[in-house]
Protein backbone atom coordinates (compact mmCIF):
# COMPACT_ATOMS: atom_id res chain seq x y z
CA MET A 1 -17.44 13.09 30.01
CA PRO A 2 -18.27 11.93 26.54
CA MET A 3 -15.20 9.53 25.08
CA ARG A 4 -12.91 11.67 23.17
CA ILE A 5 -11.47 9.19 20.03
CA THR A 6 -8.34 10.02 20.18
CA THR A 7 -7.87 9.73 23.48
CA GLU A 8 -9.16 6.14 23.93
CA ILE A 9 -6.62 5.47 20.76
CA ALA A 10 -3.79 6.76 22.30
CA GLY A 11 -4.31 4.75 24.88
CA ARG A 12 -4.11 1.54 23.04
CA ILE A 13 -1.10 2.39 21.14
CA LEU A 14 0.26 3.00 24.69
CA GLN A 15 -0.30 -0.80 25.14
CA PHE A 16 2.35 -2.21 21.99
CA ARG A 17 5.00 -3.29 23.64
CA TYR A 18 7.49 -5.55 21.57
CA GLU A 19 7.77 -8.44 24.18
CA ASN A 20 4.14 -9.21 24.34
CA LEU A 21 3.61 -9.51 20.31
CA PRO A 22 3.17 -13.09 19.00
CA ASP A 23 5.76 -14.59 16.61
CA VAL A 24 3.07 -14.57 14.02
CA ALA A 25 2.57 -10.87 14.37
CA ILE A 26 6.68 -10.55 13.91
CA ARG A 27 6.83 -12.62 11.00
CA ALA A 28 3.94 -10.39 9.28
CA ALA A 29 5.51 -7.31 10.11
CA LYS A 30 8.99 -8.74 8.71
CA ASN A 31 7.16 -9.83 5.51
CA ALA A 32 5.39 -6.19 5.19
CA LEU A 33 8.62 -4.73 5.48
CA LEU A 34 10.96 -6.87 3.13
CA ASP A 35 8.22 -6.28 0.27
CA THR A 36 7.82 -2.69 1.13
CA LEU A 37 11.76 -1.82 0.96
CA GLY A 38 12.07 -3.94 -2.16
CA VAL A 39 9.33 -1.93 -3.79
CA THR A 40 10.41 1.04 -2.48
CA LEU A 41 13.90 0.67 -4.17
CA ALA A 42 12.83 -0.43 -7.65
CA GLY A 43 10.21 2.72 -7.42
CA SER A 44 12.92 4.71 -6.45
CA SER A 45 14.31 5.13 -10.15
CA GLU A 46 10.90 5.64 -11.04
CA PRO A 47 9.95 9.21 -12.40
CA PRO A 48 7.41 10.42 -9.56
CA ALA A 49 10.76 9.55 -7.11
CA ALA A 50 13.25 11.06 -8.76
CA ILE A 51 10.97 14.49 -9.50
CA VAL A 52 10.30 14.77 -5.55
CA ARG A 53 13.85 14.13 -4.87
CA ASP A 54 15.33 17.25 -7.79
CA VAL A 55 12.66 19.52 -6.35
CA LEU A 56 13.48 18.95 -2.63
CA ALA A 57 16.94 18.47 -3.31
CA GLY A 58 18.31 22.09 -2.63
CA ASP A 59 17.06 22.06 1.12
CA SER A 60 17.76 18.26 1.26
CA ARG A 61 21.26 17.44 1.98
CA THR A 62 21.68 17.70 5.68
CA GLY A 63 20.48 14.84 8.15
CA ASN A 64 20.42 10.99 8.55
CA SER A 65 17.95 9.50 7.38
CA VAL A 66 18.68 7.69 4.15
CA VAL A 67 17.10 8.38 0.94
CA PHE A 68 16.66 4.61 -0.25
CA GLY A 69 18.04 3.74 -3.25
CA THR A 70 20.30 6.80 -3.71
CA THR A 71 23.75 8.30 -2.26
CA HIS A 72 21.52 10.61 -0.29
CA LYS A 73 20.93 11.65 3.40
CA THR A 74 18.52 14.09 4.67
CA ASN A 75 16.57 15.29 7.24
CA CYS A 76 13.93 12.72 8.49
CA LEU A 77 10.78 14.62 6.74
CA ASP A 78 11.62 14.88 3.40
CA ALA A 79 12.91 11.41 3.32
CA ALA A 80 9.71 10.08 4.37
CA LEU A 81 8.17 12.01 1.75
CA MET A 82 10.52 10.99 -0.72
CA ASN A 83 10.72 7.38 0.36
CA GLY A 84 6.89 7.38 0.46
CA THR A 85 6.57 8.55 -3.24
CA ALA A 86 8.74 6.07 -4.22
CA ALA A 87 7.14 3.01 -2.01
CA HIS A 88 4.13 3.95 -3.97
CA ALA A 89 5.31 4.89 -7.50
CA LEU A 90 5.24 1.14 -8.81
CA ASP A 91 1.61 0.81 -7.32
CA PHE A 92 3.20 -2.90 -6.57
CA ASP A 93 2.79 -2.61 -2.27
CA ASP A 94 1.11 -4.31 -0.09
CA VAL A 95 -3.30 -3.57 0.18
CA SER A 96 -5.20 -4.20 3.22
CA ASP A 97 -8.53 -4.87 1.97
CA ALA A 98 -10.20 -3.14 4.99
CA MET A 99 -8.28 -0.08 4.46
CA GLY A 100 -9.47 -0.13 0.63
CA GLY A 101 -5.58 0.88 -0.25
CA HIS A 102 -2.34 -0.04 1.03
CA PRO A 103 -1.56 0.13 4.57
CA SER A 104 2.49 -0.51 5.09
CA ALA A 105 4.38 2.13 2.92
CA PRO A 106 2.66 5.08 4.45
CA VAL A 107 4.01 3.88 7.87
CA LEU A 108 7.10 2.75 7.31
CA ALA A 109 7.90 5.33 5.10
CA ALA A 110 7.61 7.82 8.17
CA LEU A 111 8.34 5.06 10.59
CA LEU A 112 12.34 4.47 9.06
CA ALA A 113 12.92 7.90 8.29
CA LEU A 114 12.29 8.77 12.28
CA GLY A 115 14.10 5.22 13.04
CA ASP A 116 17.31 6.41 10.86
CA ALA A 117 16.97 10.07 12.82
CA ILE A 118 17.04 8.88 16.42
CA GLY A 119 19.23 5.51 15.57
CA ALA A 120 15.98 3.68 17.05
CA HIS A 121 16.23 -0.15 17.68
CA GLY A 122 15.16 -2.89 15.67
CA ARG A 123 12.53 -4.17 17.87
CA ASP A 124 11.32 -1.21 18.62
CA VAL A 125 10.63 0.00 15.22
CA LEU A 126 8.76 -3.19 14.33
CA ASN A 127 6.42 -2.44 17.39
CA ALA A 128 5.53 1.27 16.20
CA PHE A 129 4.66 -0.10 12.59
CA ILE A 130 2.57 -3.38 14.32
CA ALA A 131 0.91 -0.65 16.33
CA GLY A 132 0.39 2.44 13.31
CA PHE A 133 -0.94 -0.62 11.35
CA GLU A 134 -3.79 -1.39 13.68
CA THR A 135 -4.39 2.17 14.10
CA GLU A 136 -4.92 3.03 10.46
CA ILE A 137 -6.90 -0.04 9.83
CA ARG A 138 -9.31 0.18 12.61
CA ILE A 139 -10.33 3.86 11.40
CA ALA A 140 -10.67 2.44 8.26
CA LYS A 141 -13.19 -0.36 9.61
CA ALA A 142 -14.97 2.71 11.15
CA VAL A 143 -15.18 5.18 7.77
CA ASN A 144 -15.22 2.27 4.65
CA PHE A 145 -16.62 1.77 2.47
CA HIS A 146 -18.10 5.01 2.09
CA HIS A 147 -15.32 6.59 2.80
CA TYR A 148 -13.81 4.77 0.12
CA LYS A 149 -17.11 5.38 -2.21
CA LYS A 150 -16.83 9.16 -1.69
CA GLY A 151 -14.03 9.75 -3.39
CA TRP A 152 -11.38 9.27 -0.81
CA HIS A 153 -7.41 8.16 -1.20
CA PRO A 154 -7.74 5.97 1.81
CA THR A 155 -3.92 4.87 1.37
CA ALA A 156 -3.52 8.88 2.49
CA THR A 157 -6.38 9.50 4.16
CA LEU A 158 -5.82 7.03 6.79
CA GLY A 159 -2.53 6.19 6.48
CA VAL A 160 -1.40 9.52 7.94
CA PHE A 161 -3.43 8.09 11.20
CA GLY A 162 -1.20 5.18 10.64
CA ALA A 163 1.84 7.11 10.38
CA ALA A 164 1.59 9.52 13.12
CA ALA A 165 0.69 6.31 15.30
CA ALA A 166 3.87 4.59 14.65
CA CYS A 167 5.96 7.92 15.22
CA ALA A 168 4.25 8.56 18.30
CA ARG A 169 4.82 5.21 19.79
CA LEU A 170 8.85 5.48 18.43
CA LEU A 171 8.95 8.37 19.93
CA SER A 172 7.50 6.81 23.85
CA LEU A 173 4.88 9.93 23.78
CA GLU A 174 2.60 10.07 26.61
CA GLU A 175 -0.95 9.38 25.81
CA GLN A 176 -1.95 12.85 25.74
CA GLN A 177 0.12 13.36 22.71
CA ILE A 178 -0.31 11.14 21.22
CA ALA A 179 -3.98 12.30 20.78
CA SER A 180 -2.77 15.08 19.75
CA ALA A 181 -0.59 14.09 17.18
CA LEU A 182 -3.38 11.63 15.89
CA SER A 183 -6.20 14.71 15.71
CA MET A 184 -3.68 17.31 13.81
CA SER A 185 -3.29 14.22 11.64
CA ALA A 186 -7.14 14.55 11.12
CA SER A 187 -6.23 18.06 9.91
CA MET A 188 -3.55 16.88 7.65
CA SER A 189 -5.54 14.12 6.01
CA ALA A 190 -5.82 14.35 2.19
CA GLY A 191 -5.60 11.99 -1.11
CA LEU A 192 -8.54 12.22 -3.94
CA LYS A 193 -9.01 9.22 -6.01
CA ALA A 194 -9.74 11.24 -8.82
CA ASN A 195 -5.62 11.16 -9.30
CA PHE A 196 -5.23 7.74 -9.67
CA GLY A 197 -3.36 7.08 -12.75
CA THR A 198 -1.16 9.74 -12.37
CA MET A 199 2.18 11.14 -10.26
CA THR A 200 0.28 12.25 -8.04
CA LYS A 201 -1.49 8.94 -6.51
CA PRO A 202 2.46 7.96 -5.46
CA LEU A 203 2.83 11.86 -3.84
CA HIS A 204 -0.30 10.84 -1.65
CA VAL A 205 1.92 8.57 0.16
CA GLY A 206 4.74 10.53 0.58
CA ASN A 207 3.15 13.46 1.80
CA CYS A 208 0.99 11.61 4.47
CA ALA A 209 4.04 9.76 5.63
CA ARG A 210 5.17 13.32 6.07
CA ASN A 211 2.11 14.41 7.40
CA GLY A 212 1.89 12.17 9.98
CA LEU A 213 5.84 12.13 11.24
CA LEU A 214 5.73 16.07 11.52
CA ALA A 215 2.07 15.74 13.64
CA ALA A 216 4.70 13.20 15.91
CA LEU A 217 7.34 15.57 16.12
CA LEU A 218 5.17 18.28 16.62
CA ALA A 219 3.35 16.52 19.60
CA SER A 220 6.18 15.99 21.43
CA LYS A 221 7.27 19.46 21.67
CA LYS A 222 3.69 19.59 23.29
CA PHE A 223 2.04 21.51 20.21
CA THR A 224 -2.08 21.51 20.60
CA ALA A 225 -4.68 20.26 18.60
CA SER A 226 -8.77 19.63 19.78
CA PRO A 227 -9.11 16.74 21.56
CA ASP A 228 -12.22 15.74 19.70
CA ALA A 229 -11.13 16.38 16.39
CA PHE A 230 -12.68 13.03 15.28
CA GLU A 231 -15.91 12.93 16.42
CA HIS A 232 -16.54 17.13 16.53
CA LYS A 233 -20.15 18.06 14.13
CA GLN A 234 -16.95 19.82 11.76
CA GLY A 235 -14.43 16.90 12.57
CA PHE A 236 -13.10 14.55 10.32
CA LEU A 237 -16.09 12.04 10.72
CA ASN A 238 -18.59 13.91 9.59
CA VAL A 239 -16.65 15.93 6.69
CA PHE A 240 -14.74 13.19 5.47
CA ASN A 241 -17.76 10.55 5.64
CA GLY A 242 -21.06 12.43 6.98
CA PRO A 243 -23.61 12.04 9.35
CA GLY A 244 -24.62 8.85 9.66
CA THR A 245 -21.93 6.89 7.23
CA TYR A 246 -19.55 5.33 10.27
CA ASP A 247 -19.35 3.46 13.43
CA VAL A 248 -17.34 4.40 15.89
CA ALA A 249 -17.38 1.48 18.02
CA LYS A 250 -15.82 -0.62 15.07
CA ILE A 251 -12.19 1.07 16.31
CA PHE A 252 -12.76 -0.25 19.32
CA GLU A 253 -14.49 -3.42 19.53
CA ASN A 254 -12.12 -6.75 20.39
CA TRP A 255 -9.08 -4.13 19.56
CA ALA A 256 -5.54 -5.98 18.55
CA GLU A 257 -7.65 -9.05 19.10
CA PRO A 258 -6.43 -10.55 16.72
CA LEU A 259 -3.31 -8.09 15.59
CA GLU A 260 -5.03 -6.59 12.15
CA VAL A 261 -1.85 -7.24 10.60
CA VAL A 262 -2.12 -10.80 11.48
CA ASP A 263 -5.89 -11.42 10.27
CA PRO A 264 -6.57 -10.48 8.13
CA GLY A 265 -3.16 -9.28 7.45
CA VAL A 266 -1.68 -7.70 4.51
CA VAL A 267 -1.57 -9.22 0.82
CA ILE A 268 1.15 -8.77 -0.93
CA LYS A 269 0.47 -8.36 -4.28
CA GLN A 270 1.56 -10.82 -6.99
CA TYR A 271 1.56 -7.57 -9.99
CA PRO A 272 2.62 -4.52 -10.48
CA CYS A 273 -0.43 -2.90 -11.09
CA CYS A 274 -3.66 -2.13 -9.55
CA ALA A 275 -5.14 -4.42 -6.76
CA SER A 276 -8.73 -4.26 -8.21
CA THR A 277 -7.39 -5.88 -11.68
CA HIS A 278 -5.92 -8.87 -10.11
CA SER A 279 -8.76 -11.92 -9.53
CA ALA A 280 -9.39 -10.80 -13.34
CA ILE A 281 -5.88 -11.87 -14.21
CA ASP A 282 -5.86 -14.60 -12.20
CA THR A 283 -9.30 -15.89 -13.42
CA LEU A 284 -7.83 -15.07 -17.09
CA ILE A 285 -4.58 -17.03 -16.87
CA GLN A 286 -6.58 -19.67 -15.17
CA ILE A 287 -8.89 -20.26 -18.58
CA VAL A 288 -5.59 -19.93 -20.63
CA HIS A 289 -3.74 -22.44 -18.54
CA VAL A 290 -5.94 -25.27 -18.48
CA HIS A 291 -6.81 -25.07 -22.12
CA HIS A 292 -3.62 -24.32 -23.33
CA LEU A 293 -4.60 -20.99 -25.52
CA GLN A 294 -2.52 -18.46 -27.43
CA ALA A 295 -3.54 -15.35 -27.97
CA ASP A 296 -4.29 -15.19 -30.96
CA ASP A 297 -6.91 -17.75 -30.36
CA VAL A 298 -8.50 -15.24 -28.47
CA SER A 299 -11.54 -12.96 -30.50
CA ASN A 300 -13.23 -11.25 -27.26
CA ILE A 301 -12.92 -11.33 -23.71
CA ASP A 302 -16.00 -10.12 -21.42
CA VAL A 303 -14.46 -9.34 -17.70
CA TRP A 304 -16.96 -9.19 -14.46
CA ILE A 305 -15.66 -7.61 -11.54
CA HIS A 306 -17.39 -5.32 -8.70
CA GLU A 307 -18.65 -1.73 -9.73
CA ARG A 308 -16.54 -0.71 -6.68
CA ARG A 309 -13.17 -1.57 -8.22
CA LEU A 310 -14.72 -1.18 -12.11
CA GLU A 311 -14.93 2.29 -11.25
CA HIS A 312 -11.39 2.87 -11.40
CA THR A 313 -10.62 0.59 -13.33
CA ASN A 314 -12.32 0.69 -16.60
CA ARG A 315 -10.19 2.20 -18.80
CA PRO A 316 -10.14 1.42 -22.16
CA ASN A 317 -7.31 3.78 -23.62
CA PRO A 318 -4.79 4.31 -21.38
CA GLN A 319 -2.42 7.16 -22.40
CA ASN A 320 0.41 7.28 -19.63
CA SER A 321 1.80 4.17 -18.28
CA MET A 322 0.50 5.02 -14.38
CA ALA A 323 -3.18 5.44 -16.60
CA ALA A 324 -2.03 1.56 -18.05
CA LYS A 325 -1.95 0.25 -14.19
CA PHE A 326 -5.71 1.32 -13.81
CA SER A 327 -6.33 -0.23 -17.18
CA LEU A 328 -8.11 -3.44 -16.50
CA GLN A 329 -8.49 -3.70 -20.25
CA TYR A 330 -4.57 -3.25 -20.83
CA CYS A 331 -4.00 -5.73 -17.53
CA LEU A 332 -5.81 -8.56 -19.20
CA ALA A 333 -4.00 -7.92 -22.76
CA ARG A 334 -0.73 -8.64 -20.83
CA ALA A 335 -1.90 -11.03 -19.26
CA LEU A 336 -3.49 -13.04 -22.26
CA MET A 337 -0.06 -12.07 -24.36
CA HIS A 338 2.43 -13.49 -22.15
CA GLY A 339 0.58 -15.34 -18.90
CA THR A 340 1.27 -12.71 -16.48
CA VAL A 341 1.58 -8.98 -15.36
CA VAL A 342 5.14 -7.80 -15.06
CA LEU A 343 7.40 -4.36 -14.12
CA GLY A 344 8.60 -4.27 -18.05
CA HIS A 345 4.82 -3.93 -19.34
CA PHE A 346 4.31 -0.41 -17.66
CA GLU A 347 7.64 1.35 -18.73
CA GLY A 348 8.46 3.29 -21.28
CA ASP A 349 5.70 2.95 -24.20
CA ALA A 350 4.83 -0.28 -23.54
CA PHE A 351 1.03 0.57 -23.21
CA HIS A 352 1.33 1.52 -26.79
CA ASP A 353 2.24 -2.13 -27.69
CA PRO A 354 0.02 -2.78 -31.33
CA GLN A 355 -0.86 -6.61 -29.82
CA ALA A 356 -1.89 -5.03 -26.56
CA ARG A 357 -3.85 -1.88 -28.07
CA SER A 358 -5.76 -4.91 -30.85
CA ILE A 359 -6.41 -6.86 -27.25
CA MET A 360 -7.99 -4.43 -25.64
CA SER A 361 -10.16 -2.95 -28.28
CA ARG A 362 -12.18 -6.80 -27.70
CA VAL A 363 -11.99 -6.40 -23.72
CA ASN A 364 -15.70 -5.73 -23.12
CA ALA A 365 -16.16 -4.75 -18.80
CA ALA A 366 -19.05 -4.70 -16.86
CA PRO A 367 -19.73 -4.78 -12.71
CA TYR A 368 -20.84 -8.15 -12.25
CA THR A 369 -24.01 -9.21 -10.72
CA SER A 370 -25.26 -11.14 -7.13
CA GLU A 371 -26.10 -13.79 -9.21
CA GLN A 372 -22.59 -14.02 -10.44
CA ILE A 373 -20.45 -14.16 -7.49
CA GLY A 374 -22.29 -12.40 -4.81
CA SER A 375 -23.04 -9.13 -3.71
CA ASP A 376 -21.40 -8.76 -0.66
CA ASN A 377 -17.85 -10.31 -2.77
CA ALA A 378 -15.62 -7.10 -3.65
CA TYR A 379 -13.29 -9.37 -4.91
CA GLY A 380 -14.01 -11.80 -7.14
CA ALA A 381 -13.83 -11.77 -10.95
CA GLU A 382 -15.76 -13.70 -13.91
CA ILE A 383 -14.39 -13.75 -17.54
CA LYS A 384 -15.62 -15.15 -20.81
CA LEU A 385 -13.23 -15.98 -23.50
CA THR A 386 -14.41 -16.53 -27.21
CA LEU A 387 -12.29 -17.62 -29.38
CA ARG A 388 -12.30 -17.49 -33.56
CA ASP A 389 -13.16 -20.84 -33.65
CA GLY A 390 -16.61 -20.05 -32.15
CA ARG A 391 -15.70 -22.09 -28.71
CA VAL A 392 -16.40 -20.19 -25.55
CA PHE A 393 -14.51 -20.93 -22.29
CA CYS A 394 -15.69 -19.44 -19.09
CA GLY A 395 -14.14 -19.37 -15.42
CA LYS A 396 -14.79 -16.87 -12.34
CA LEU A 397 -12.69 -16.78 -9.00
CA ASP A 398 -13.80 -14.99 -5.23
CA GLU A 399 -10.50 -13.62 -4.76
CA ALA A 400 -7.01 -13.27 -6.53
CA LEU A 401 -4.12 -15.82 -5.33
CA GLY A 402 -2.29 -14.13 -2.12
CA GLN A 403 -5.97 -12.18 -1.42
CA SER A 404 -6.52 -13.82 1.90
CA ALA A 405 -4.69 -17.31 3.88
CA ALA A 406 -7.50 -19.54 2.45
CA HIS A 407 -5.36 -18.56 -1.06
CA PRO A 408 -1.54 -17.95 -0.19
CA LEU A 409 0.77 -16.93 -2.61
CA PRO A 410 3.00 -20.03 -3.58
CA ALA A 411 5.91 -20.80 -1.11
CA GLY A 412 8.84 -18.20 -2.07
CA SER A 413 6.95 -15.80 -4.29
CA LEU A 414 7.62 -13.07 -1.28
CA LEU A 415 11.89 -13.43 -1.71
CA GLY A 416 11.15 -13.53 -5.47
CA LYS A 417 9.04 -10.27 -5.36
CA PHE A 418 11.69 -8.40 -3.24
CA GLN A 419 15.09 -10.10 -5.07
CA ASN A 420 13.64 -8.83 -8.47
CA CYS A 421 12.66 -5.48 -7.33
CA ALA A 422 15.25 -4.69 -5.01
CA GLY A 423 17.50 -6.04 -7.86
CA ARG A 424 16.50 -3.46 -10.11
CA ILE A 425 18.68 -0.83 -7.92
CA LEU A 426 21.43 -3.43 -5.07
CA ALA A 427 23.78 -5.79 -6.94
CA ARG A 428 22.74 -9.25 -5.74
CA ASP A 429 25.07 -9.55 -2.83
CA GLN A 430 23.57 -6.74 -1.24
CA VAL A 431 19.69 -7.98 -1.93
CA LEU A 432 20.98 -10.73 0.14
CA GLU A 433 22.45 -9.03 3.03
CA LEU A 434 19.60 -7.21 3.36
CA GLN A 435 17.23 -9.57 3.00
CA ASP A 436 19.08 -10.73 6.37
CA SER A 437 19.12 -7.88 7.86
CA VAL A 438 14.83 -7.55 7.61
CA GLU A 439 14.76 -11.32 8.70
CA HIS A 440 17.12 -10.56 11.90
CA ILE A 441 15.54 -6.55 12.51
CA GLU A 442 15.12 -7.46 15.94
CA ASN A 443 18.69 -7.69 16.84
CA LEU A 444 19.97 -4.35 15.20
CA ARG A 445 21.14 -2.19 18.02
CA SER A 446 19.89 0.40 15.95
CA VAL A 447 18.01 0.50 12.37
CA ARG A 448 20.41 2.58 10.21
CA ASP A 449 22.07 -0.58 9.82
CA LEU A 450 19.43 -1.97 7.63
CA THR A 451 18.76 1.32 6.31
CA ALA A 452 22.48 1.82 5.11
CA LEU A 453 22.07 -1.22 3.29
CA THR A 454 19.48 0.35 0.32
CA VAL A 455 22.54 2.69 -0.38
CA PRO A 456 24.24 1.22 -3.39
CA LYS A 457 27.01 -0.41 -3.17
CA SER A 458 29.27 1.18 -5.64
CA THR A 459 28.78 4.82 -3.55
CA ARG A 460 28.38 3.71 0.06
């Protein structure tokens, strides 16, 4: 009998047990959880999250699952949708290069909603998260980067499998049930890059979190799905990618050795904008710092990044704050003006700032050549600054800060980011209490003790 991919993956998911996880994996999972909670809280007040809550409000007042940053509890499916949308509303959640997207938000939005509903133990949530993370990244390795280039949004199209796997593990489903959940997810996978720069992009995350959780819940009731939903001639691999554009072996080779959450792990974003702009931002800031430049000194900016990344970030005239997050020109203008890029640069009509617009008009973006960075490096950037006095300063980086273990973020930057994001919704003492709860989540008899801390104190 030929190998069935969903069954093979399901068998591996069953092998995840908290007591067998290395300390480094637990640390990485806690970091991902802390970062995701922070950006979800900050994102909970953004228009995409607020609109989703408003639409669902009439049917979403009963349940045990907390809607983060609000006074509401609802059923776990709606909570996954709401919290997943909020998690990605600022495009500030963590990144995986192998996935070509954001791995933690879809898994944790589903998992914490389910954990609330059933009162799951903290260590079981950590174990399930790592299992879901492994699953989505392994599938990503099999289909990327053709999958990404074709126009799919992997955060959603692949994140649904991570969410389903994590929730199935938390529910202690049997192998065949897990396989069914994955097969169902193949029919609920969706998300187009055409919607980048709009509210629909964060909705992708909410939708896939809900769908992955729904698949696991249905599977727990013996709901059926095709066992060959991946490899069938009209299955996920051939329909979403196409014959000859994927490698199934990459799903299974050296599975969990090391765990994907450990190596290469997650990239914690420094800036609340598309990760494809970050190496260019870092390069520009480095040049400005070394040569003590001011924004008014600069006449023109020439920037080169990988063509795959330039495709969705070459936006010289963004017309809303969400599109500005995907505008290489706007992000570089802000970096030149302020020496960083922060949340406030994407609030209200900040993208209309006259100085930023003036600088943007002088940014020339192009794909870099193999001679500049290296054809196999998709993460680098090169920048040339031409000054008004005729001087020229150049710089390039192979990758953004925090992109890998070789270039880690400064110590304490994750805590600083979390405190800043969570502090937009919670009081200072609540932020620190939530931070401590994440640090000791494996000791929580119920994850509800953690999620309760995401409700603003004045309303608890």
